[in-house]
N, C-alpha and C. Protein backbone atom coordinates (compact mmCIF):
# COMPACT_ATOMS: atom_id res chain seq x y z
N UNK A 1 0.84 -1.17 0.00
CA UNK A 1 0.00 0.00 0.00
C UNK A 1 0.89 1.24 0.00
N UNK A 2 0.49 2.22 -0.78
CA UNK A 2 1.25 3.46 -0.85
C UNK A 2 1.11 4.23 0.47
N UNK A 3 2.19 4.91 0.84
CA UNK A 3 2.21 5.63 2.11
C UNK A 3 1.09 6.65 2.24
N UNK A 4 0.80 7.38 1.16
CA UNK A 4 -0.23 8.41 1.26
C UNK A 4 -1.61 7.81 1.50
N UNK A 5 -1.85 6.62 0.98
CA UNK A 5 -3.15 5.95 1.21
C UNK A 5 -3.23 5.50 2.67
N UNK A 6 -2.15 4.90 3.16
CA UNK A 6 -2.12 4.47 4.56
C UNK A 6 -2.31 5.66 5.50
N UNK A 7 -1.68 6.78 5.18
CA UNK A 7 -1.81 7.97 6.01
C UNK A 7 -3.25 8.49 6.01
N UNK A 8 -3.89 8.50 4.85
CA UNK A 8 -5.28 8.94 4.77
C UNK A 8 -6.19 8.03 5.59
N UNK A 9 -5.97 6.72 5.50
CA UNK A 9 -6.79 5.77 6.26
C UNK A 9 -6.61 6.01 7.76
N UNK A 10 -5.37 6.17 8.19
CA UNK A 10 -5.11 6.39 9.61
C UNK A 10 -5.71 7.70 10.10
N UNK A 11 -5.69 8.73 9.27
CA UNK A 11 -6.30 10.01 9.63
C UNK A 11 -7.81 9.87 9.75
N UNK A 12 -8.42 9.13 8.83
CA UNK A 12 -9.86 8.90 8.90
C UNK A 12 -10.23 8.15 10.17
N UNK A 13 -9.52 7.08 10.46
CA UNK A 13 -9.81 6.27 11.65
C UNK A 13 -9.66 7.11 12.91
N UNK A 14 -8.66 7.97 12.95
CA UNK A 14 -8.40 8.80 14.13
C UNK A 14 -9.39 9.96 14.27
N UNK A 15 -10.17 10.23 13.24
CA UNK A 15 -11.05 11.39 13.26
C UNK A 15 -12.29 11.22 14.14
N UNK A 16 -12.58 10.00 14.56
CA UNK A 16 -13.76 9.74 15.39
C UNK A 16 -13.53 8.49 16.22
N UNK A 17 -14.01 8.47 17.48
CA UNK A 17 -13.84 7.26 18.29
C UNK A 17 -14.45 6.01 17.66
N UNK A 18 -15.54 6.18 16.93
CA UNK A 18 -16.16 5.07 16.19
C UNK A 18 -16.21 5.48 14.73
N UNK A 19 -15.54 4.72 13.89
CA UNK A 19 -15.44 5.06 12.47
C UNK A 19 -15.79 3.85 11.63
N UNK A 20 -16.59 4.08 10.58
CA UNK A 20 -17.04 2.99 9.72
C UNK A 20 -16.68 3.29 8.26
N UNK A 21 -15.95 2.37 7.64
CA UNK A 21 -15.75 2.40 6.20
C UNK A 21 -16.89 1.58 5.62
N UNK A 22 -17.68 2.19 4.75
CA UNK A 22 -18.90 1.53 4.28
C UNK A 22 -19.23 1.96 2.86
N UNK A 23 -20.22 1.30 2.30
CA UNK A 23 -20.76 1.71 1.00
C UNK A 23 -21.91 2.65 1.29
N UNK A 24 -21.75 3.89 0.85
CA UNK A 24 -22.71 4.93 1.17
C UNK A 24 -22.26 5.65 2.43
N UNK A 25 -23.23 6.28 3.11
CA UNK A 25 -22.91 6.96 4.37
C UNK A 25 -24.01 6.67 5.38
N UNK A 26 -23.85 7.20 6.59
CA UNK A 26 -24.81 6.84 7.64
C UNK A 26 -26.22 7.35 7.35
N UNK A 27 -26.35 8.34 6.51
CA UNK A 27 -27.68 8.82 6.13
C UNK A 27 -28.28 8.03 4.98
N UNK A 28 -27.42 7.43 4.16
CA UNK A 28 -27.90 6.68 3.01
C UNK A 28 -26.96 5.51 2.70
N UNK A 29 -27.06 4.43 3.50
CA UNK A 29 -26.25 3.26 3.20
C UNK A 29 -26.58 2.70 1.83
N UNK A 30 -25.55 2.20 1.12
CA UNK A 30 -25.74 1.72 -0.24
C UNK A 30 -25.72 0.19 -0.36
N UNK A 31 -25.66 -0.51 0.77
CA UNK A 31 -25.78 -1.97 0.74
C UNK A 31 -26.37 -2.44 2.06
N UNK A 32 -26.92 -3.62 2.06
CA UNK A 32 -27.56 -4.16 3.24
C UNK A 32 -26.61 -4.34 4.42
N UNK A 33 -25.38 -4.76 4.14
CA UNK A 33 -24.41 -4.97 5.22
C UNK A 33 -24.05 -3.65 5.88
N UNK A 34 -23.84 -2.62 5.07
CA UNK A 34 -23.56 -1.29 5.63
C UNK A 34 -24.76 -0.79 6.42
N UNK A 35 -25.95 -1.02 5.91
CA UNK A 35 -27.16 -0.60 6.61
C UNK A 35 -27.28 -1.30 7.96
N UNK A 36 -26.93 -2.59 8.03
CA UNK A 36 -26.96 -3.32 9.30
C UNK A 36 -26.09 -2.63 10.34
N UNK A 37 -24.89 -2.27 9.95
CA UNK A 37 -23.96 -1.63 10.88
C UNK A 37 -24.52 -0.29 11.35
N UNK A 38 -25.03 0.50 10.42
CA UNK A 38 -25.60 1.81 10.77
C UNK A 38 -26.76 1.64 11.74
N UNK A 39 -27.65 0.69 11.48
CA UNK A 39 -28.81 0.48 12.35
C UNK A 39 -28.38 0.04 13.75
N UNK A 40 -27.39 -0.84 13.83
CA UNK A 40 -26.90 -1.29 15.13
C UNK A 40 -26.33 -0.12 15.92
N UNK A 41 -25.47 0.67 15.29
CA UNK A 41 -24.86 1.79 16.01
C UNK A 41 -25.89 2.83 16.41
N UNK A 42 -26.87 3.10 15.53
CA UNK A 42 -27.94 4.03 15.88
C UNK A 42 -28.75 3.49 17.07
N UNK A 43 -29.04 2.19 17.06
CA UNK A 43 -29.85 1.62 18.14
C UNK A 43 -29.15 1.71 19.49
N UNK A 44 -27.81 1.71 19.47
CA UNK A 44 -27.04 1.85 20.70
C UNK A 44 -26.80 3.30 21.08
N UNK A 45 -27.22 4.23 20.21
CA UNK A 45 -27.04 5.65 20.49
C UNK A 45 -25.59 6.10 20.46
N UNK A 46 -24.80 5.41 19.65
CA UNK A 46 -23.36 5.69 19.58
C UNK A 46 -23.08 6.69 18.46
N UNK A 47 -22.39 7.80 18.78
CA UNK A 47 -21.99 8.71 17.71
C UNK A 47 -20.87 8.06 16.89
N UNK A 48 -20.95 8.21 15.58
CA UNK A 48 -19.93 7.62 14.71
C UNK A 48 -19.86 8.40 13.42
N UNK A 49 -18.73 8.24 12.75
CA UNK A 49 -18.52 8.86 11.44
C UNK A 49 -18.29 7.76 10.42
N UNK A 50 -18.51 8.11 9.15
CA UNK A 50 -18.38 7.13 8.08
C UNK A 50 -17.57 7.68 6.92
N UNK A 51 -17.09 6.76 6.10
CA UNK A 51 -16.45 7.12 4.84
C UNK A 51 -17.04 6.22 3.77
N UNK A 52 -17.49 6.82 2.68
CA UNK A 52 -18.08 6.08 1.56
C UNK A 52 -16.96 5.57 0.65
N UNK A 53 -16.70 4.27 0.74
CA UNK A 53 -15.62 3.69 -0.07
C UNK A 53 -15.95 3.70 -1.56
N UNK A 54 -17.21 3.86 -1.91
CA UNK A 54 -17.59 3.92 -3.33
C UNK A 54 -17.08 5.22 -3.97
N UNK A 55 -16.77 6.20 -3.14
CA UNK A 55 -16.32 7.50 -3.66
C UNK A 55 -14.82 7.55 -3.90
N UNK A 56 -14.07 6.51 -3.48
CA UNK A 56 -12.62 6.58 -3.55
C UNK A 56 -12.03 5.17 -3.65
N UNK A 57 -11.58 4.82 -4.85
CA UNK A 57 -11.04 3.48 -5.09
C UNK A 57 -9.79 3.17 -4.30
N UNK A 58 -8.94 4.19 -4.09
CA UNK A 58 -7.72 3.96 -3.31
C UNK A 58 -8.05 3.54 -1.88
N UNK A 59 -8.99 4.24 -1.27
CA UNK A 59 -9.38 3.90 0.10
C UNK A 59 -10.13 2.57 0.11
N UNK A 60 -10.99 2.35 -0.87
CA UNK A 60 -11.75 1.10 -0.93
C UNK A 60 -10.83 -0.11 -0.96
N UNK A 61 -9.81 -0.06 -1.78
CA UNK A 61 -8.86 -1.18 -1.85
C UNK A 61 -7.87 -1.14 -0.69
N UNK A 62 -7.45 0.05 -0.31
CA UNK A 62 -6.45 0.19 0.74
C UNK A 62 -6.93 -0.28 2.10
N UNK A 63 -8.21 -0.02 2.42
CA UNK A 63 -8.70 -0.40 3.75
C UNK A 63 -8.72 -1.92 3.90
N UNK A 64 -8.95 -2.63 2.82
CA UNK A 64 -8.94 -4.10 2.88
C UNK A 64 -7.54 -4.62 3.18
N UNK A 65 -6.54 -3.98 2.58
CA UNK A 65 -5.16 -4.36 2.85
C UNK A 65 -4.75 -3.93 4.26
N UNK A 66 -5.15 -2.73 4.65
CA UNK A 66 -4.80 -2.17 5.96
C UNK A 66 -5.28 -3.08 7.09
N UNK A 67 -6.51 -3.53 7.00
CA UNK A 67 -7.11 -4.33 8.06
C UNK A 67 -6.88 -5.83 7.88
N UNK A 68 -6.43 -6.20 6.69
CA UNK A 68 -6.32 -7.62 6.32
C UNK A 68 -7.69 -8.29 6.43
N UNK A 69 -8.72 -7.55 6.01
CA UNK A 69 -10.11 -8.01 6.04
C UNK A 69 -10.69 -7.74 4.66
N UNK A 70 -11.26 -8.75 3.99
CA UNK A 70 -11.61 -8.60 2.58
C UNK A 70 -12.91 -7.88 2.25
N UNK A 71 -13.73 -7.59 3.25
CA UNK A 71 -15.06 -7.06 2.94
C UNK A 71 -15.30 -5.70 3.59
N UNK A 72 -16.33 -5.04 3.07
CA UNK A 72 -16.82 -3.76 3.56
C UNK A 72 -18.25 -4.02 4.02
N UNK A 73 -18.72 -3.49 5.11
CA UNK A 73 -18.15 -2.42 5.94
C UNK A 73 -17.09 -2.93 6.90
N UNK A 74 -16.34 -1.96 7.43
CA UNK A 74 -15.35 -2.22 8.46
C UNK A 74 -15.53 -1.18 9.57
N UNK A 75 -15.57 -1.67 10.79
CA UNK A 75 -15.82 -0.80 11.94
C UNK A 75 -14.57 -0.72 12.82
N UNK A 76 -14.21 0.50 13.18
CA UNK A 76 -13.06 0.76 14.06
C UNK A 76 -13.56 1.48 15.30
N UNK A 77 -13.08 1.04 16.46
CA UNK A 77 -13.39 1.70 17.72
C UNK A 77 -12.08 2.09 18.39
N UNK A 78 -11.92 3.39 18.61
CA UNK A 78 -10.68 3.93 19.19
C UNK A 78 -9.46 3.42 18.43
N UNK A 79 -9.56 3.39 17.11
CA UNK A 79 -8.45 3.01 16.26
C UNK A 79 -8.27 1.51 16.06
N UNK A 80 -9.05 0.70 16.75
CA UNK A 80 -8.92 -0.75 16.66
C UNK A 80 -9.99 -1.33 15.74
N UNK A 81 -9.57 -2.18 14.82
CA UNK A 81 -10.52 -2.84 13.92
C UNK A 81 -11.35 -3.84 14.71
N UNK A 82 -12.67 -3.70 14.64
CA UNK A 82 -13.58 -4.59 15.36
C UNK A 82 -14.09 -5.70 14.45
N UNK A 83 -14.49 -5.33 13.22
CA UNK A 83 -14.99 -6.33 12.29
C UNK A 83 -15.97 -5.71 11.32
N UNK A 84 -16.69 -6.60 10.64
CA UNK A 84 -17.68 -6.18 9.67
C UNK A 84 -19.09 -6.42 10.18
N UNK A 85 -20.02 -6.49 9.26
CA UNK A 85 -21.43 -6.61 9.59
C UNK A 85 -21.75 -7.86 10.42
N UNK A 86 -21.29 -9.02 9.98
CA UNK A 86 -21.61 -10.26 10.69
C UNK A 86 -21.07 -10.25 12.12
N UNK A 87 -19.86 -9.78 12.29
CA UNK A 87 -19.26 -9.73 13.63
C UNK A 87 -20.01 -8.74 14.51
N UNK A 88 -20.38 -7.58 13.95
CA UNK A 88 -21.13 -6.61 14.74
C UNK A 88 -22.49 -7.17 15.16
N UNK A 89 -23.15 -7.88 14.26
CA UNK A 89 -24.45 -8.49 14.60
C UNK A 89 -24.28 -9.47 15.76
N UNK A 90 -23.26 -10.34 15.66
CA UNK A 90 -23.01 -11.31 16.74
C UNK A 90 -22.73 -10.60 18.06
N UNK A 91 -21.87 -9.59 18.01
CA UNK A 91 -21.51 -8.85 19.23
C UNK A 91 -22.72 -8.11 19.80
N UNK A 92 -23.55 -7.57 18.93
CA UNK A 92 -24.75 -6.85 19.36
C UNK A 92 -25.71 -7.82 20.04
N UNK A 93 -25.96 -8.96 19.41
CA UNK A 93 -26.90 -9.94 19.96
C UNK A 93 -26.44 -10.50 21.30
N UNK A 94 -25.14 -10.61 21.50
CA UNK A 94 -24.63 -11.16 22.76
C UNK A 94 -24.51 -10.10 23.86
N UNK A 95 -24.63 -8.82 23.49
CA UNK A 95 -24.46 -7.74 24.45
C UNK A 95 -23.02 -7.26 24.55
N UNK A 96 -22.13 -7.97 23.90
CA UNK A 96 -20.70 -7.64 23.96
C UNK A 96 -20.41 -6.28 23.32
N UNK A 97 -21.12 -5.95 22.25
CA UNK A 97 -20.86 -4.69 21.55
C UNK A 97 -21.18 -3.50 22.44
N UNK A 98 -22.33 -3.53 23.08
CA UNK A 98 -22.71 -2.42 23.97
C UNK A 98 -21.67 -2.24 25.07
N UNK A 99 -21.27 -3.35 25.65
CA UNK A 99 -20.28 -3.31 26.73
C UNK A 99 -18.95 -2.74 26.24
N UNK A 100 -18.47 -3.24 25.11
CA UNK A 100 -17.18 -2.77 24.56
C UNK A 100 -17.23 -1.29 24.22
N UNK A 101 -18.32 -0.86 23.59
CA UNK A 101 -18.44 0.55 23.22
C UNK A 101 -18.53 1.46 24.44
N UNK A 102 -19.26 1.02 25.45
CA UNK A 102 -19.39 1.80 26.67
C UNK A 102 -18.03 2.01 27.32
N UNK A 103 -17.26 0.94 27.44
CA UNK A 103 -15.92 1.02 28.02
C UNK A 103 -15.00 1.90 27.16
N UNK A 104 -15.00 1.65 25.86
CA UNK A 104 -14.10 2.38 24.94
C UNK A 104 -14.41 3.87 24.92
N UNK A 105 -15.68 4.21 24.91
CA UNK A 105 -16.05 5.62 24.79
C UNK A 105 -15.96 6.36 26.12
N UNK A 106 -15.91 5.61 27.21
CA UNK A 106 -15.78 6.25 28.53
C UNK A 106 -14.33 6.63 28.82
N UNK A 107 -13.40 5.98 28.16
CA UNK A 107 -11.99 6.23 28.45
C UNK A 107 -11.39 7.29 27.57
């Protein structure tokens, strides 16, 4: 990955305690998986920011390499990669997501 792409990704992740790389944005998700993540975070009342990977091919490809995760969306909490839609659904259903976010956002 080119240095400037990595730097942009790191700046985006650092711009918000909860950051989501997704298709579309939190007001208009462009795929069902991205919509799942948005709905989960909204239901928990968690403030978050997003980046539309459809708007930038470098970031779309770069984030997959950066995280070593092949799919979008990707969720970061306090700079740490948490997972995609399926993992967030599992964590939400078990209560683990609420707990992790509460702890992360309190510190």
